[in-house]
PDB file of N, CA and C in Angstrom:
ATOM      1  N   MET A   1     -15.530 -20.871  21.853  1.00  0.00           N
ATOM      2  CA  MET A   1     -16.049 -19.873  20.949  1.00  0.00           C
ATOM      3  C   MET A   1     -17.342 -20.391  20.343  1.00  0.00           C
ATOM      4  N   ALA A   2     -18.329 -19.541  20.212  1.00  0.00           N
ATOM      5  CA  ALA A   2     -19.685 -19.953  19.827  1.00  0.00           C
ATOM      6  C   ALA A   2     -19.822 -20.078  18.306  1.00  0.00           C
ATOM      7  N   GLY A   3     -19.354 -21.181  17.737  1.00  0.00           N
ATOM      8  CA  GLY A   3     -19.594 -21.455  16.332  1.00  0.00           C
ATOM      9  C   GLY A   3     -18.747 -20.646  15.353  1.00  0.00           C
ATOM     10  N   THR A   4     -17.845 -19.814  15.827  1.00  0.00           N
ATOM     11  CA  THR A   4     -17.005 -19.018  14.922  1.00  0.00           C
ATOM     12  C   THR A   4     -15.573 -19.428  15.140  1.00  0.00           C
ATOM     13  N   ASP A   5     -14.865 -19.687  14.063  1.00  0.00           N
ATOM     14  CA  ASP A   5     -13.464 -20.031  14.161  1.00  0.00           C
ATOM     15  C   ASP A   5     -12.691 -19.184  13.170  1.00  0.00           C
ATOM     16  N   PHE A   6     -11.465 -18.872  13.489  1.00  0.00           N
ATOM     17  CA  PHE A   6     -10.667 -18.069  12.590  1.00  0.00           C
ATOM     18  C   PHE A   6      -9.264 -18.627  12.539  1.00  0.00           C
ATOM     19  N   ASN A   7      -8.546 -18.239  11.515  1.00  0.00           N
ATOM     20  CA  ASN A   7      -7.187 -18.701  11.302  1.00  0.00           C
ATOM     21  C   ASN A   7      -6.239 -17.655  11.853  1.00  0.00           C
ATOM     22  N   VAL A   8      -5.511 -17.987  12.919  1.00  0.00           N
ATOM     23  CA  VAL A   8      -4.594 -17.036  13.568  1.00  0.00           C
ATOM     24  C   VAL A   8      -3.487 -16.634  12.588  1.00  0.00           C
ATOM     25  N   LYS A   9      -3.002 -17.580  11.796  1.00  0.00           N
ATOM     26  CA  LYS A   9      -1.946 -17.254  10.820  1.00  0.00           C
ATOM     27  C   LYS A   9      -2.448 -16.222   9.818  1.00  0.00           C
ATOM     28  N   TYR A  10      -3.693 -16.337   9.390  1.00  0.00           N
ATOM     29  CA  TYR A  10      -4.262 -15.386   8.447  1.00  0.00           C
ATOM     30  C   TYR A  10      -4.387 -14.004   9.073  1.00  0.00           C
ATOM     31  N   VAL A  11      -4.869 -13.943  10.314  1.00  0.00           N
ATOM     32  CA  VAL A  11      -5.003 -12.665  11.016  1.00  0.00           C
ATOM     33  C   VAL A  11      -3.627 -12.040  11.223  1.00  0.00           C
ATOM     34  N   ALA A  12      -2.629 -12.843  11.590  1.00  0.00           N
ATOM     35  CA  ALA A  12      -1.278 -12.325  11.772  1.00  0.00           C
ATOM     36  C   ALA A  12      -0.725 -11.798  10.440  1.00  0.00           C
ATOM     37  N   HIS A  13      -1.019 -12.500   9.362  1.00  0.00           N
ATOM     38  CA  HIS A  13      -0.572 -12.036   8.040  1.00  0.00           C
ATOM     39  C   HIS A  13      -1.197 -10.679   7.692  1.00  0.00           C
ATOM     40  N   LEU A  14      -2.499 -10.531   7.959  1.00  0.00           N
ATOM     41  CA  LEU A  14      -3.155  -9.259   7.682  1.00  0.00           C
ATOM     42  C   LEU A  14      -2.562  -8.115   8.501  1.00  0.00           C
ATOM     43  N   ALA A  15      -2.141  -8.428   9.727  1.00  0.00           N
ATOM     44  CA  ALA A  15      -1.564  -7.417  10.617  1.00  0.00           C
ATOM     45  C   ALA A  15      -0.065  -7.278  10.392  1.00  0.00           C
ATOM     46  N   ARG A  16       0.472  -8.008   9.427  1.00  0.00           N
ATOM     47  CA  ARG A  16       1.901  -7.983   9.112  1.00  0.00           C
ATOM     48  C   ARG A  16       2.740  -8.354  10.330  1.00  0.00           C
ATOM     49  N   LEU A  17       2.302  -9.431  11.021  1.00  0.00           N
ATOM     50  CA  LEU A  17       3.020  -9.917  12.196  1.00  0.00           C
ATOM     51  C   LEU A  17       3.666 -11.263  11.882  1.00  0.00           C
ATOM     52  N   SER A  18       4.857 -11.446  12.371  1.00  0.00           N
ATOM     53  CA  SER A  18       5.527 -12.731  12.253  1.00  0.00           C
ATOM     54  C   SER A  18       5.497 -13.368  13.631  1.00  0.00           C
ATOM     55  N   LEU A  19       4.727 -14.455  13.762  1.00  0.00           N
ATOM     56  CA  LEU A  19       4.527 -15.075  15.064  1.00  0.00           C
ATOM     57  C   LEU A  19       5.155 -16.461  15.117  1.00  0.00           C
ATOM     58  N   SER A  20       5.722 -16.781  16.267  1.00  0.00           N
ATOM     59  CA  SER A  20       6.217 -18.148  16.490  1.00  0.00           C
ATOM     60  C   SER A  20       4.996 -19.034  16.790  1.00  0.00           C
ATOM     61  N   PRO A  21       5.158 -20.339  16.717  1.00  0.00           N
ATOM     62  CA  PRO A  21       4.027 -21.231  17.037  1.00  0.00           C
ATOM     63  C   PRO A  21       3.481 -20.998  18.441  1.00  0.00           C
ATOM     64  N   ASP A  22       4.365 -20.730  19.415  1.00  0.00           N
ATOM     65  CA  ASP A  22       3.874 -20.457  20.774  1.00  0.00           C
ATOM     66  C   ASP A  22       3.055 -19.171  20.812  1.00  0.00           C
ATOM     67  N   GLU A  23       3.523 -18.146  20.100  1.00  0.00           N
ATOM     68  CA  GLU A  23       2.794 -16.872  20.042  1.00  0.00           C
ATOM     69  C   GLU A  23       1.450 -17.046  19.355  1.00  0.00           C
ATOM     70  N   GLU A  24       1.422 -17.854  18.287  1.00  0.00           N
ATOM     71  CA  GLU A  24       0.169 -18.127  17.593  1.00  0.00           C
ATOM     72  C   GLU A  24      -0.846 -18.782  18.531  1.00  0.00           C
ATOM     73  N   GLN A  25      -0.386 -19.734  19.318  1.00  0.00           N
ATOM     74  CA  GLN A  25      -1.266 -20.438  20.249  1.00  0.00           C
ATOM     75  C   GLN A  25      -1.777 -19.460  21.320  1.00  0.00           C
ATOM     76  N   LYS A  26      -0.870 -18.644  21.864  1.00  0.00           N
ATOM     77  CA  LYS A  26      -1.259 -17.687  22.911  1.00  0.00           C
ATOM     78  C   LYS A  26      -2.236 -16.653  22.337  1.00  0.00           C
ATOM     79  N   LEU A  27      -1.924 -16.110  21.155  1.00  0.00           N
ATOM     80  CA  LEU A  27      -2.800 -15.123  20.528  1.00  0.00           C
ATOM     81  C   LEU A  27      -4.164 -15.732  20.206  1.00  0.00           C
ATOM     82  N   GLY A  28      -4.154 -16.980  19.718  1.00  0.00           N
ATOM     83  CA  GLY A  28      -5.432 -17.653  19.415  1.00  0.00           C
ATOM     84  C   GLY A  28      -6.296 -17.785  20.641  1.00  0.00           C
ATOM     85  N   ALA A  29      -5.700 -18.143  21.779  1.00  0.00           N
ATOM     86  CA  ALA A  29      -6.458 -18.283  23.015  1.00  0.00           C
ATOM     87  C   ALA A  29      -7.010 -16.927  23.461  1.00  0.00           C
ATOM     88  N   GLN A  30      -6.185 -15.876  23.360  1.00  0.00           N
ATOM     89  CA  GLN A  30      -6.631 -14.541  23.769  1.00  0.00           C
ATOM     90  C   GLN A  30      -7.769 -14.050  22.886  1.00  0.00           C
ATOM     91  N   LEU A  31      -7.643 -14.268  21.565  1.00  0.00           N
ATOM     92  CA  LEU A  31      -8.709 -13.838  20.653  1.00  0.00           C
ATOM     93  C   LEU A  31      -9.982 -14.637  20.905  1.00  0.00           C
ATOM     94  N   ASN A  32      -9.858 -15.914  21.214  1.00  0.00           N
ATOM     95  CA  ASN A  32     -11.047 -16.694  21.556  1.00  0.00           C
ATOM     96  C   ASN A  32     -11.737 -16.154  22.787  1.00  0.00           C
ATOM     97  N   ASN A  33     -10.943 -15.742  23.796  1.00  0.00           N
ATOM     98  CA  ASN A  33     -11.518 -15.138  25.007  1.00  0.00           C
ATOM     99  C   ASN A  33     -12.249 -13.832  24.669  1.00  0.00           C
ATOM    100  N   ILE A  34     -11.646 -13.027  23.818  1.00  0.00           N
ATOM    101  CA  ILE A  34     -12.253 -11.758  23.431  1.00  0.00           C
ATOM    102  C   ILE A  34     -13.575 -12.019  22.716  1.00  0.00           C
ATOM    103  N   ILE A  35     -13.575 -12.946  21.793  1.00  0.00           N
ATOM    104  CA  ILE A  35     -14.823 -13.258  21.072  1.00  0.00           C
ATOM    105  C   ILE A  35     -15.862 -13.841  22.020  1.00  0.00           C
ATOM    106  N   GLY A  36     -15.439 -14.601  23.002  1.00  0.00           N
ATOM    107  CA  GLY A  36     -16.366 -15.113  24.018  1.00  0.00           C
ATOM    108  C   GLY A  36     -17.023 -13.987  24.779  1.00  0.00           C
ATOM    109  N   PHE A  37     -16.244 -12.961  25.156  1.00  0.00           N
ATOM    110  CA  PHE A  37     -16.808 -11.801  25.860  1.00  0.00           C
ATOM    111  C   PHE A  37     -17.776 -11.031  24.962  1.00  0.00           C
ATOM    112  N   ILE A  38     -17.473 -10.952  23.686  1.00  0.00           N
ATOM    113  CA  ILE A  38     -18.375 -10.279  22.750  1.00  0.00           C
ATOM    114  C   ILE A  38     -19.689 -11.053  22.673  1.00  0.00           C
ATOM    115  N   GLU A  39     -19.613 -12.349  22.636  1.00  0.00           N
ATOM    116  CA  GLU A  39     -20.822 -13.168  22.623  1.00  0.00           C
ATOM    117  C   GLU A  39     -21.662 -12.927  23.873  1.00  0.00           C
ATOM    118  N   GLN A  40     -20.992 -12.785  25.028  1.00  0.00           N
ATOM    119  CA  GLN A  40     -21.730 -12.485  26.266  1.00  0.00           C
ATOM    120  C   GLN A  40     -22.430 -11.133  26.157  1.00  0.00           C
ATOM    121  N   LEU A  41     -21.755 -10.158  25.582  1.00  0.00           N
ATOM    122  CA  LEU A  41     -22.377  -8.826  25.442  1.00  0.00           C
ATOM    123  C   LEU A  41     -23.573  -8.867  24.508  1.00  0.00           C
ATOM    124  N   LYS A  42     -23.526  -9.744  23.503  1.00  0.00           N
ATOM    125  CA  LYS A  42     -24.670  -9.852  22.580  1.00  0.00           C
ATOM    126  C   LYS A  42     -25.926 -10.363  23.276  1.00  0.00           C
ATOM    127  N   SER A  43     -25.747 -11.096  24.352  1.00  0.00           N
ATOM    128  CA  SER A  43     -26.910 -11.675  25.044  1.00  0.00           C
ATOM    129  C   SER A  43     -27.554 -10.693  26.043  1.00  0.00           C
ATOM    130  N   VAL A  44     -26.929  -9.547  26.278  1.00  0.00           N
ATOM    131  CA  VAL A  44     -27.473  -8.570  27.236  1.00  0.00           C
ATOM    132  C   VAL A  44     -28.635  -7.811  26.567  1.00  0.00           C
ATOM    133  N   ASN A  45     -29.737  -7.633  27.294  1.00  0.00           N
ATOM    134  CA  ASN A  45     -30.890  -6.887  26.804  1.00  0.00           C
ATOM    135  C   ASN A  45     -30.624  -5.384  26.966  1.00  0.00           C
ATOM    136  N   VAL A  46     -30.467  -4.685  25.853  1.00  0.00           N
ATOM    137  CA  VAL A  46     -30.189  -3.247  25.896  1.00  0.00           C
ATOM    138  C   VAL A  46     -31.310  -2.449  25.239  1.00  0.00           C
ATOM    139  N   SER A  47     -32.481  -3.040  25.134  1.00  0.00           N
ATOM    140  CA  SER A  47     -33.581  -2.357  24.436  1.00  0.00           C
ATOM    141  C   SER A  47     -34.027  -1.093  25.162  1.00  0.00           C
ATOM    142  N   SER A  48     -33.820  -1.018  26.462  1.00  0.00           N
ATOM    143  CA  SER A  48     -34.258   0.176  27.202  1.00  0.00           C
ATOM    144  C   SER A  48     -33.125   1.201  27.388  1.00  0.00           C
ATOM    145  N   VAL A  49     -31.950   0.945  26.805  1.00  0.00           N
ATOM    146  CA  VAL A  49     -30.812   1.840  26.948  1.00  0.00           C
ATOM    147  C   VAL A  49     -30.791   2.791  25.761  1.00  0.00           C
ATOM    148  N   GLU A  50     -30.721   4.087  26.067  1.00  0.00           N
ATOM    149  CA  GLU A  50     -30.695   5.096  25.009  1.00  0.00           C
ATOM    150  C   GLU A  50     -29.314   5.088  24.346  1.00  0.00           C
ATOM    151  N   ALA A  51     -29.302   5.173  23.017  1.00  0.00           N
ATOM    152  CA  ALA A  51     -28.050   5.199  22.280  1.00  0.00           C
ATOM    153  C   ALA A  51     -27.315   6.515  22.540  1.00  0.00           C
ATOM    154  N   THR A  52     -25.998   6.412  22.694  1.00  0.00           N
ATOM    155  CA  THR A  52     -25.179   7.599  22.909  1.00  0.00           C
ATOM    156  C   THR A  52     -23.938   7.539  22.044  1.00  0.00           C
ATOM    157  N   ALA A  53     -23.422   8.711  21.718  1.00  0.00           N
ATOM    158  CA  ALA A  53     -22.170   8.781  20.979  1.00  0.00           C
ATOM    159  C   ALA A  53     -20.986   8.922  21.926  1.00  0.00           C
ATOM    160  N   HIS A  54     -21.218   9.468  23.115  1.00  0.00           N
ATOM    161  CA  HIS A  54     -20.165   9.681  24.113  1.00  0.00           C
ATOM    162  C   HIS A  54     -20.688   9.247  25.475  1.00  0.00           C
ATOM    163  N   ALA A  55     -19.772   8.821  26.318  1.00  0.00           N
ATOM    164  CA  ALA A  55     -20.164   8.398  27.672  1.00  0.00           C
ATOM    165  C   ALA A  55     -20.571   9.577  28.540  1.00  0.00           C
ATOM    166  N   VAL A  56     -19.997  10.737  28.261  1.00  0.00           N
ATOM    167  CA  VAL A  56     -20.330  11.946  28.986  1.00  0.00           C
ATOM    168  C   VAL A  56     -20.742  13.026  27.981  1.00  0.00           C
ATOM    169  N   PRO A  57     -21.601  13.952  28.369  1.00  0.00           N
ATOM    170  CA  PRO A  57     -22.027  15.004  27.439  1.00  0.00           C
ATOM    171  C   PRO A  57     -20.830  15.853  27.001  1.00  0.00           C
ATOM    172  N   THR A  58     -20.815  16.245  25.743  1.00  0.00           N
ATOM    173  CA  THR A  58     -19.755  17.112  25.248  1.00  0.00           C
ATOM    174  C   THR A  58     -20.348  18.451  24.873  1.00  0.00           C
ATOM    175  N   VAL A  59     -19.532  19.490  25.001  1.00  0.00           N
ATOM    176  CA  VAL A  59     -19.960  20.847  24.714  1.00  0.00           C
ATOM    177  C   VAL A  59     -18.940  21.471  23.790  1.00  0.00           C
ATOM    178  N   ASN A  60     -19.391  22.166  22.770  1.00  0.00           N
ATOM    179  CA  ASN A  60     -18.491  22.842  21.863  1.00  0.00           C
ATOM    180  C   ASN A  60     -17.907  24.068  22.558  1.00  0.00           C
ATOM    181  N   VAL A  61     -16.608  24.158  22.659  1.00  0.00           N
ATOM    182  CA  VAL A  61     -15.967  25.243  23.402  1.00  0.00           C
ATOM    183  C   VAL A  61     -15.329  26.291  22.472  1.00  0.00           C
ATOM    184  N   THR A  62     -15.671  26.265  21.218  1.00  0.00           N
ATOM    185  CA  THR A  62     -15.082  27.256  20.302  1.00  0.00           C
ATOM    186  C   THR A  62     -15.818  28.593  20.436  1.00  0.00           C
ATOM    187  N   ARG A  63     -15.130  29.640  20.086  1.00  0.00           N
ATOM    188  CA  ARG A  63     -15.731  30.960  20.185  1.00  0.00           C
ATOM    189  C   ARG A  63     -16.724  31.178  19.049  1.00  0.00           C
ATOM    190  N   ALA A  64     -17.558  32.164  19.213  1.00  0.00           N
ATOM    191  CA  ALA A  64     -18.535  32.489  18.182  1.00  0.00           C
ATOM    192  C   ALA A  64     -17.809  33.042  16.938  1.00  0.00           C
ATOM    193  N   ASP A  65     -18.354  32.741  15.790  1.00  0.00           N
ATOM    194  CA  ASP A  65     -17.781  33.221  14.542  1.00  0.00           C
ATOM    195  C   ASP A  65     -18.352  34.607  14.267  1.00  0.00           C
ATOM    196  N   GLU A  66     -17.518  35.624  14.465  1.00  0.00           N
ATOM    197  CA  GLU A  66     -17.985  37.004  14.276  1.00  0.00           C
ATOM    198  C   GLU A  66     -16.916  37.805  13.570  1.00  0.00           C
ATOM    199  N   VAL A  67     -17.357  38.827  12.826  1.00  0.00           N
ATOM    200  CA  VAL A  67     -16.432  39.686  12.094  1.00  0.00           C
ATOM    201  C   VAL A  67     -15.701  40.586  13.096  1.00  0.00           C
ATOM    202  N   ARG A  68     -14.376  40.661  12.936  1.00  0.00           N
ATOM    203  CA  ARG A  68     -13.543  41.501  13.801  1.00  0.00           C
ATOM    204  C   ARG A  68     -12.545  42.250  12.928  1.00  0.00           C
ATOM    205  N   PRO A  69     -12.013  43.358  13.437  1.00  0.00           N
ATOM    206  CA  PRO A  69     -10.973  44.049  12.690  1.00  0.00           C
ATOM    207  C   PRO A  69      -9.756  43.149  12.496  1.00  0.00           C
ATOM    208  N   SER A  70      -9.107  43.261  11.371  1.00  0.00           N
ATOM    209  CA  SER A  70      -7.988  42.397  11.048  1.00  0.00           C
ATOM    210  C   SER A  70      -6.802  43.232  10.577  1.00  0.00           C
ATOM    211  N   ILE A  71      -5.696  42.580  10.361  1.00  0.00           N
ATOM    212  CA  ILE A  71      -4.511  43.244   9.858  1.00  0.00           C
ATOM    213  C   ILE A  71      -4.733  43.676   8.412  1.00  0.00           C
ATOM    214  N   SER A  72      -4.200  44.814   8.055  1.00  0.00           N
ATOM    215  CA  SER A  72      -4.400  45.291   6.679  1.00  0.00           C
ATOM    216  C   SER A  72      -3.546  44.482   5.708  1.00  0.00           C
ATOM    217  N   HIS A  73      -3.921  44.540   4.464  1.00  0.00           N
ATOM    218  CA  HIS A  73      -3.209  43.799   3.411  1.00  0.00           C
ATOM    219  C   HIS A  73      -1.764  44.271   3.338  1.00  0.00           C
ATOM    220  N   GLU A  74      -1.549  45.557   3.405  1.00  0.00           N
ATOM    221  CA  GLU A  74      -0.194  46.116   3.306  1.00  0.00           C
ATOM    222  C   GLU A  74       0.653  45.673   4.507  1.00  0.00           C
ATOM    223  N   ASP A  75       0.072  45.688   5.719  1.00  0.00           N
ATOM    224  CA  ASP A  75       0.812  45.250   6.900  1.00  0.00           C
ATOM    225  C   ASP A  75       1.195  43.769   6.817  1.00  0.00           C
ATOM    226  N   ALA A  76       0.301  42.952   6.260  1.00  0.00           N
ATOM    227  CA  ALA A  76       0.584  41.533   6.122  1.00  0.00           C
ATOM    228  C   ALA A  76       1.758  41.294   5.182  1.00  0.00           C
ATOM    229  N   LEU A  77       1.846  42.074   4.126  1.00  0.00           N
ATOM    230  CA  LEU A  77       2.898  41.896   3.142  1.00  0.00           C
ATOM    231  C   LEU A  77       4.189  42.629   3.488  1.00  0.00           C
ATOM    232  N   ARG A  78       4.177  43.475   4.504  1.00  0.00           N
ATOM    233  CA  ARG A  78       5.307  44.323   4.839  1.00  0.00           C
ATOM    234  C   ARG A  78       6.591  43.520   5.084  1.00  0.00           C
ATOM    235  N   ASN A  79       6.537  42.420   5.808  1.00  0.00           N
ATOM    236  CA  ASN A  79       7.727  41.632   6.129  1.00  0.00           C
ATOM    237  C   ASN A  79       7.929  40.436   5.221  1.00  0.00           C
ATOM    238  N   ALA A  80       7.178  40.332   4.138  1.00  0.00           N
ATOM    239  CA  ALA A  80       7.322  39.199   3.237  1.00  0.00           C
ATOM    240  C   ALA A  80       8.662  39.280   2.514  1.00  0.00           C
ATOM    241  N   PRO A  81       9.426  38.176   2.506  1.00  0.00           N
ATOM    242  CA  PRO A  81      10.722  38.197   1.798  1.00  0.00           C
ATOM    243  C   PRO A  81      10.539  38.484   0.314  1.00  0.00           C
ATOM    244  N   LYS A  82       9.478  37.910  -0.275  1.00  0.00           N
ATOM    245  CA  LYS A  82       9.191  38.160  -1.706  1.00  0.00           C
ATOM    246  C   LYS A  82       7.693  38.346  -1.837  1.00  0.00           C
ATOM    247  N   GLN A  83       7.321  39.254  -2.716  1.00  0.00           N
ATOM    248  CA  GLN A  83       5.902  39.470  -2.993  1.00  0.00           C
ATOM    249  C   GLN A  83       5.752  39.960  -4.434  1.00  0.00           C
ATOM    250  N   SER A  84       4.579  39.732  -4.988  1.00  0.00           N
ATOM    251  CA  SER A  84       4.294  40.160  -6.349  1.00  0.00           C
ATOM    252  C   SER A  84       2.796  40.308  -6.501  1.00  0.00           C
ATOM    253  N   ASN A  85       2.349  41.416  -7.053  1.00  0.00           N
ATOM    254  CA  ASN A  85       0.938  41.675  -7.301  1.00  0.00           C
ATOM    255  C   ASN A  85       0.094  41.488  -6.027  1.00  0.00           C
ATOM    256  N   GLY A  86       0.633  41.889  -4.880  1.00  0.00           N
ATOM    257  CA  GLY A  86      -0.105  41.797  -3.628  1.00  0.00           C
ATOM    258  C   GLY A  86      -0.207  40.398  -3.037  1.00  0.00           C
ATOM    259  N   LEU A  87       0.665  39.484  -3.500  1.00  0.00           N
ATOM    260  CA  LEU A  87       0.650  38.089  -3.046  1.00  0.00           C
ATOM    261  C   LEU A  87       2.019  37.700  -2.459  1.00  0.00           C
ATOM    262  N   PHE A  88       2.040  36.756  -1.542  1.00  0.00           N
ATOM    263  CA  PHE A  88       3.293  36.209  -1.049  1.00  0.00           C
ATOM    264  C   PHE A  88       3.889  35.291  -2.113  1.00  0.00           C
ATOM    265  N   ILE A  89       5.182  35.386  -2.336  1.00  0.00           N
ATOM    266  CA  ILE A  89       5.887  34.462  -3.238  1.00  0.00           C
ATOM    267  C   ILE A  89       6.635  33.476  -2.353  1.00  0.00           C
ATOM    268  N   VAL A  90       6.379  32.179  -2.537  1.00  0.00           N
ATOM    269  CA  VAL A  90       6.984  31.150  -1.720  1.00  0.00           C
ATOM    270  C   VAL A  90       7.676  30.141  -2.637  1.00  0.00           C
ATOM    271  N   PRO A  91       8.644  29.385  -2.080  1.00  0.00           N
ATOM    272  CA  PRO A  91       9.316  28.379  -2.915  1.00  0.00           C
ATOM    273  C   PRO A  91       8.360  27.296  -3.364  1.00  0.00           C
ATOM    274  N   LYS A  92       8.606  26.780  -4.548  1.00  0.00           N
ATOM    275  CA  LYS A  92       7.790  25.696  -5.097  1.00  0.00           C
ATOM    276  C   LYS A  92       8.109  24.424  -4.308  1.00  0.00           C
ATOM    277  N   ILE A  93       7.106  23.705  -3.818  1.00  0.00           N
ATOM    278  CA  ILE A  93       7.354  22.487  -3.071  1.00  0.00           C
ATOM    279  C   ILE A  93       6.807  21.252  -3.783  1.00  0.00           C
ATOM    280  N   VAL A  94       6.032  21.399  -4.838  1.00  0.00           N
ATOM    281  CA  VAL A  94       5.500  20.290  -5.592  1.00  0.00           C
ATOM    282  C   VAL A  94       6.142  20.307  -6.974  1.00  0.00           C
ATOM    283  N   GLU A  95       6.691  19.168  -7.350  1.00  0.00           N
ATOM    284  CA  GLU A  95       7.336  19.111  -8.676  1.00  0.00           C
ATOM    285  C   GLU A  95       6.557  18.259  -9.615  1.00  0.00           C
TER     286      GLU A  95
END
């Protein structure tokens, strides 16, 4: 690892993991490999690469927002078990 060291026990504690000594050693080696790969990526010249948010272009597939005829107020309240003053009455869920 290029000048950076970390405490595997501390990382495991932050992740709420209980590791055996063998697991700590294995995880430490794997994390060192990952950090080594990150260091390799830092050395790549990407100055000519355009920044992107997605690997492939994305298109918004939602429909246009337009006014359309809707259900009437009376029809909406017709099957309501309870109603008052033109509003639905529902059970209280927050105490």
